[in-house]
Amino acid sequence: MRKYAVTAVLALIAVVAGSSLAFAQEAAVEGGRSALVQAAIFIGAGLGMGLGAIGPGIGMGHAVRGALEGMARNPGHSSKIMTTMLVGLAMMESLAIYALVVALILLFVV
């Protein structure tokens, strides 16, 4: 499965990189950027945000599962477990927000 994913990504890169050459014309320049550079920025921002959100999402799921299992085993300490879980979830969520900030910087500043 991983081999097919790598092949698909390489094929996508080849298509994006060769699209301006295939039409045998100069790349359209918009705001000082060629269409190829603009496409690379969009793809980079999308992939960055997608990968930056899936990691914390999986981590949050595991954290909540572990906290619920801990609360089920020891209901007396559920308030401590809940507090620790919420602090950990806030830290994980900040990683997704950092990925969003980097994607927005790619789109609007670069």
N, C-alpha and C. Protein backbone atom coordinates (compact mmCIF):
# COMPACT_ATOMS: atom_id res chain seq x y z
N MET A 1 0.82 -1.19 0.00
CA MET A 1 0.00 0.00 0.00
C MET A 1 0.87 1.26 0.00
N ARG A 2 1.95 1.23 0.79
CA ARG A 2 2.81 2.40 0.88
C ARG A 2 3.51 2.67 -0.46
N LYS A 3 3.84 1.59 -1.17
CA LYS A 3 4.50 1.73 -2.45
C LYS A 3 3.59 2.46 -3.44
N TYR A 4 2.30 2.15 -3.41
CA TYR A 4 1.35 2.80 -4.31
C TYR A 4 1.16 4.27 -3.95
N ALA A 5 1.19 4.59 -2.66
CA ALA A 5 1.04 5.99 -2.24
C ALA A 5 2.23 6.82 -2.70
N VAL A 6 3.43 6.27 -2.57
CA VAL A 6 4.63 6.98 -3.02
C VAL A 6 4.57 7.18 -4.53
N THR A 7 4.15 6.17 -5.25
CA THR A 7 4.04 6.26 -6.69
C THR A 7 3.02 7.32 -7.09
N ALA A 8 1.89 7.37 -6.38
CA ALA A 8 0.85 8.35 -6.70
C ALA A 8 1.34 9.77 -6.43
N VAL A 9 2.07 9.98 -5.34
CA VAL A 9 2.59 11.30 -5.03
C VAL A 9 3.62 11.73 -6.06
N LEU A 10 4.50 10.83 -6.46
CA LEU A 10 5.49 11.16 -7.48
C LEU A 10 4.83 11.46 -8.82
N ALA A 11 3.77 10.73 -9.16
CA ALA A 11 3.05 11.01 -10.40
C ALA A 11 2.38 12.37 -10.35
N LEU A 12 1.81 12.72 -9.21
CA LEU A 12 1.17 14.03 -9.05
C LEU A 12 2.20 15.15 -9.19
N ILE A 13 3.36 14.97 -8.59
CA ILE A 13 4.42 15.98 -8.70
C ILE A 13 4.86 16.13 -10.15
N ALA A 14 4.99 15.01 -10.85
CA ALA A 14 5.40 15.06 -12.26
C ALA A 14 4.36 15.78 -13.11
N VAL A 15 3.09 15.55 -12.84
CA VAL A 15 2.03 16.21 -13.61
C VAL A 15 2.03 17.70 -13.34
N VAL A 16 2.15 18.08 -12.08
CA VAL A 16 2.14 19.50 -11.74
C VAL A 16 3.38 20.19 -12.29
N ALA A 17 4.53 19.54 -12.18
CA ALA A 17 5.77 20.15 -12.66
C ALA A 17 5.81 20.26 -14.18
N GLY A 18 5.22 19.31 -14.87
CA GLY A 18 5.29 19.31 -16.33
C GLY A 18 4.12 19.95 -17.03
N SER A 19 3.15 20.42 -16.30
CA SER A 19 1.94 20.95 -16.95
C SER A 19 2.22 22.21 -17.75
N SER A 20 3.07 23.10 -17.26
CA SER A 20 3.36 24.32 -18.01
C SER A 20 4.21 24.01 -19.25
N LEU A 21 5.05 22.98 -19.16
CA LEU A 21 5.87 22.60 -20.32
C LEU A 21 5.04 21.90 -21.39
N ALA A 22 4.00 21.21 -20.99
CA ALA A 22 3.22 20.44 -21.94
C ALA A 22 2.49 21.32 -22.93
N PHE A 23 2.15 22.52 -22.54
CA PHE A 23 1.41 23.41 -23.42
C PHE A 23 2.33 24.27 -24.28
N ALA A 24 3.63 24.16 -24.10
CA ALA A 24 4.64 24.86 -24.90
C ALA A 24 4.37 26.35 -24.95
N GLN A 25 4.11 26.91 -23.82
CA GLN A 25 3.94 28.36 -23.74
C GLN A 25 4.57 28.83 -22.45
N GLU A 26 4.76 30.11 -22.36
CA GLU A 26 5.33 30.63 -21.14
C GLU A 26 4.32 30.53 -20.02
N ALA A 27 4.82 30.31 -18.82
CA ALA A 27 3.93 30.20 -17.67
C ALA A 27 3.30 31.56 -17.41
N ALA A 28 2.03 31.53 -17.09
CA ALA A 28 1.32 32.78 -16.79
C ALA A 28 1.88 33.37 -15.50
N VAL A 29 2.14 34.65 -15.53
CA VAL A 29 2.69 35.31 -14.37
C VAL A 29 1.59 36.16 -13.74
N GLU A 30 1.33 35.86 -12.47
CA GLU A 30 0.30 36.60 -11.76
C GLU A 30 0.90 37.12 -10.46
N GLY A 31 1.02 38.41 -10.36
CA GLY A 31 1.58 39.00 -9.15
C GLY A 31 3.05 38.63 -8.95
N GLY A 32 3.79 38.42 -10.03
CA GLY A 32 5.19 38.08 -9.91
C GLY A 32 5.46 36.61 -9.70
N ARG A 33 4.43 35.78 -9.68
CA ARG A 33 4.60 34.34 -9.48
C ARG A 33 4.15 33.59 -10.73
N SER A 34 4.89 32.57 -11.07
CA SER A 34 4.45 31.75 -12.19
C SER A 34 3.33 30.82 -11.71
N ALA A 35 2.62 30.26 -12.63
CA ALA A 35 1.52 29.36 -12.28
C ALA A 35 2.04 28.11 -11.57
N LEU A 36 3.23 27.67 -11.94
CA LEU A 36 3.82 26.49 -11.32
C LEU A 36 4.14 26.75 -9.84
N VAL A 37 4.69 27.92 -9.57
CA VAL A 37 5.01 28.27 -8.19
C VAL A 37 3.73 28.41 -7.38
N GLN A 38 2.72 29.03 -7.96
CA GLN A 38 1.43 29.19 -7.28
C GLN A 38 0.80 27.82 -6.98
N ALA A 39 0.87 26.90 -7.93
CA ALA A 39 0.33 25.56 -7.71
C ALA A 39 1.10 24.83 -6.62
N ALA A 40 2.42 24.98 -6.61
CA ALA A 40 3.23 24.34 -5.57
C ALA A 40 2.90 24.89 -4.19
N ILE A 41 2.64 26.19 -4.11
CA ILE A 41 2.27 26.79 -2.83
C ILE A 41 0.94 26.24 -2.35
N PHE A 42 -0.04 26.14 -3.23
CA PHE A 42 -1.36 25.60 -2.85
C PHE A 42 -1.26 24.15 -2.41
N ILE A 43 -0.51 23.35 -3.16
CA ILE A 43 -0.36 21.94 -2.80
C ILE A 43 0.38 21.80 -1.47
N GLY A 44 1.43 22.59 -1.28
CA GLY A 44 2.18 22.54 -0.03
C GLY A 44 1.34 22.95 1.16
N ALA A 45 0.54 24.00 1.00
CA ALA A 45 -0.32 24.45 2.10
C ALA A 45 -1.38 23.40 2.43
N GLY A 46 -1.95 22.80 1.40
CA GLY A 46 -2.98 21.78 1.64
C GLY A 46 -2.41 20.53 2.30
N LEU A 47 -1.29 20.06 1.80
CA LEU A 47 -0.66 18.88 2.41
C LEU A 47 -0.18 19.17 3.82
N GLY A 48 0.38 20.34 4.02
CA GLY A 48 0.86 20.71 5.35
C GLY A 48 -0.27 20.77 6.36
N MET A 49 -1.39 21.36 5.96
CA MET A 49 -2.52 21.44 6.88
C MET A 49 -3.13 20.07 7.12
N GLY A 50 -3.21 19.26 6.08
CA GLY A 50 -3.77 17.92 6.25
C GLY A 50 -2.93 17.06 7.17
N LEU A 51 -1.63 17.04 6.94
CA LEU A 51 -0.76 16.24 7.80
C LEU A 51 -0.64 16.84 9.20
N GLY A 52 -0.71 18.18 9.27
CA GLY A 52 -0.63 18.83 10.57
C GLY A 52 -1.88 18.66 11.40
N ALA A 53 -2.98 18.27 10.79
CA ALA A 53 -4.22 18.06 11.54
C ALA A 53 -4.46 16.59 11.86
N ILE A 54 -3.97 15.70 11.02
CA ILE A 54 -4.25 14.28 11.26
C ILE A 54 -3.47 13.73 12.44
N GLY A 55 -2.24 14.21 12.65
CA GLY A 55 -1.45 13.74 13.77
C GLY A 55 -2.07 14.07 15.12
N PRO A 56 -2.35 15.36 15.37
CA PRO A 56 -3.02 15.68 16.64
C PRO A 56 -4.39 15.03 16.78
N GLY A 57 -5.09 14.83 15.68
CA GLY A 57 -6.40 14.17 15.75
C GLY A 57 -6.29 12.74 16.26
N ILE A 58 -5.32 12.02 15.73
CA ILE A 58 -5.10 10.65 16.20
C ILE A 58 -4.64 10.65 17.65
N GLY A 59 -3.74 11.57 17.98
CA GLY A 59 -3.24 11.65 19.35
C GLY A 59 -4.35 11.98 20.35
N MET A 60 -5.26 12.87 19.96
CA MET A 60 -6.37 13.22 20.84
C MET A 60 -7.28 12.02 21.07
N GLY A 61 -7.52 11.26 20.04
CA GLY A 61 -8.34 10.07 20.19
C GLY A 61 -7.74 9.08 21.17
N HIS A 62 -6.44 8.87 21.05
CA HIS A 62 -5.77 7.96 21.98
C HIS A 62 -5.78 8.50 23.41
N ALA A 63 -5.61 9.81 23.55
CA ALA A 63 -5.59 10.41 24.89
C ALA A 63 -6.95 10.29 25.56
N VAL A 64 -8.00 10.56 24.82
CA VAL A 64 -9.35 10.46 25.40
C VAL A 64 -9.68 9.02 25.74
N ARG A 65 -9.30 8.09 24.86
CA ARG A 65 -9.54 6.69 25.15
C ARG A 65 -8.84 6.25 26.44
N GLY A 66 -7.57 6.64 26.56
CA GLY A 66 -6.81 6.28 27.76
C GLY A 66 -7.39 6.91 29.02
N ALA A 67 -7.83 8.16 28.92
CA ALA A 67 -8.42 8.83 30.08
C ALA A 67 -9.74 8.16 30.48
N LEU A 68 -10.55 7.81 29.51
CA LEU A 68 -11.82 7.14 29.84
C LEU A 68 -11.59 5.77 30.46
N GLU A 69 -10.59 5.05 29.97
CA GLU A 69 -10.27 3.76 30.57
C GLU A 69 -9.77 3.94 32.01
N GLY A 70 -8.96 4.98 32.22
CA GLY A 70 -8.48 5.25 33.57
C GLY A 70 -9.60 5.65 34.51
N MET A 71 -10.54 6.44 34.02
CA MET A 71 -11.69 6.83 34.85
C MET A 71 -12.58 5.65 35.17
N ALA A 72 -12.70 4.74 34.22
CA ALA A 72 -13.54 3.56 34.45
C ALA A 72 -12.91 2.64 35.49
N ARG A 73 -11.60 2.56 35.50
CA ARG A 73 -10.91 1.69 36.46
C ARG A 73 -10.83 2.31 37.85
N ASN A 74 -10.70 3.63 37.91
CA ASN A 74 -10.55 4.29 39.20
C ASN A 74 -11.39 5.57 39.22
N PRO A 75 -12.69 5.47 39.49
CA PRO A 75 -13.56 6.64 39.44
C PRO A 75 -13.19 7.71 40.48
N GLY A 76 -12.49 7.35 41.51
CA GLY A 76 -12.13 8.32 42.55
C GLY A 76 -11.14 9.37 42.07
N HIS A 77 -10.34 9.03 41.08
CA HIS A 77 -9.35 9.97 40.57
C HIS A 77 -9.77 10.59 39.23
N SER A 78 -11.05 10.54 38.94
CA SER A 78 -11.49 11.02 37.63
C SER A 78 -11.25 12.52 37.43
N SER A 79 -11.32 13.31 38.51
CA SER A 79 -11.09 14.76 38.35
C SER A 79 -9.63 15.04 37.98
N LYS A 80 -8.68 14.34 38.60
CA LYS A 80 -7.27 14.52 38.25
C LYS A 80 -7.00 14.06 36.82
N ILE A 81 -7.58 12.93 36.45
CA ILE A 81 -7.38 12.40 35.10
C ILE A 81 -7.97 13.36 34.07
N MET A 82 -9.15 13.91 34.37
CA MET A 82 -9.80 14.83 33.44
C MET A 82 -8.97 16.10 33.25
N THR A 83 -8.45 16.64 34.35
CA THR A 83 -7.64 17.85 34.26
C THR A 83 -6.39 17.62 33.43
N THR A 84 -5.70 16.53 33.69
CA THR A 84 -4.49 16.21 32.94
C THR A 84 -4.80 15.97 31.47
N MET A 85 -5.91 15.31 31.20
CA MET A 85 -6.30 15.05 29.81
C MET A 85 -6.58 16.35 29.08
N LEU A 86 -7.29 17.28 29.72
CA LEU A 86 -7.62 18.55 29.06
C LEU A 86 -6.38 19.38 28.77
N VAL A 87 -5.41 19.38 29.68
CA VAL A 87 -4.16 20.10 29.42
C VAL A 87 -3.42 19.46 28.25
N GLY A 88 -3.38 18.14 28.21
CA GLY A 88 -2.75 17.45 27.09
C GLY A 88 -3.45 17.70 25.77
N LEU A 89 -4.78 17.74 25.79
CA LEU A 89 -5.53 18.02 24.56
C LEU A 89 -5.27 19.44 24.07
N ALA A 90 -5.14 20.38 24.99
CA ALA A 90 -4.82 21.75 24.60
C ALA A 90 -3.45 21.82 23.92
N MET A 91 -2.49 21.08 24.45
CA MET A 91 -1.16 21.06 23.84
C MET A 91 -1.21 20.45 22.44
N MET A 92 -1.99 19.37 22.29
CA MET A 92 -2.10 18.74 20.97
C MET A 92 -2.82 19.65 19.98
N GLU A 93 -3.82 20.36 20.44
CA GLU A 93 -4.56 21.26 19.57
C GLU A 93 -3.68 22.42 19.10
N SER A 94 -2.74 22.83 19.94
CA SER A 94 -1.84 23.92 19.54
C SER A 94 -0.98 23.50 18.35
N LEU A 95 -0.64 22.22 18.25
CA LEU A 95 0.12 21.75 17.09
C LEU A 95 -0.67 21.92 15.80
N ALA A 96 -1.96 21.62 15.85
CA ALA A 96 -2.80 21.80 14.66
C ALA A 96 -2.94 23.28 14.31
N ILE A 97 -2.99 24.13 15.33
CA ILE A 97 -3.09 25.57 15.07
C ILE A 97 -1.79 26.09 14.44
N TYR A 98 -0.65 25.57 14.88
CA TYR A 98 0.63 25.96 14.26
C TYR A 98 0.65 25.55 12.79
N ALA A 99 0.14 24.38 12.48
CA ALA A 99 0.09 23.94 11.08
C ALA A 99 -0.81 24.87 10.26
N LEU A 100 -1.92 25.31 10.85
CA LEU A 100 -2.81 26.25 10.16
C LEU A 100 -2.10 27.58 9.91
N VAL A 101 -1.37 28.06 10.89
CA VAL A 101 -0.65 29.34 10.74
C VAL A 101 0.39 29.23 9.63
N VAL A 102 1.12 28.13 9.58
CA VAL A 102 2.12 27.96 8.53
C VAL A 102 1.45 27.88 7.15
N ALA A 103 0.32 27.19 7.06
CA ALA A 103 -0.40 27.11 5.78
C ALA A 103 -0.89 28.48 5.35
N LEU A 104 -1.39 29.27 6.27
CA LEU A 104 -1.86 30.62 5.93
C LEU A 104 -0.70 31.52 5.53
N ILE A 105 0.44 31.36 6.18
CA ILE A 105 1.62 32.13 5.78
C ILE A 105 2.04 31.76 4.37
N LEU A 106 2.00 30.47 4.05
CA LEU A 106 2.33 30.03 2.68
C LEU A 106 1.39 30.66 1.66
N LEU A 107 0.11 30.70 1.99
CA LEU A 107 -0.87 31.18 1.02
C LEU A 107 -0.83 32.70 0.83
N PHE A 108 -0.66 33.44 1.90
CA PHE A 108 -0.85 34.88 1.79
C PHE A 108 0.42 35.73 1.90
N VAL A 109 1.52 35.18 2.39
CA VAL A 109 2.72 35.99 2.58
C VAL A 109 3.79 35.62 1.56
N VAL A 110 4.01 34.34 1.35
CA VAL A 110 5.09 33.90 0.47
C VAL A 110 4.78 34.31 -0.95
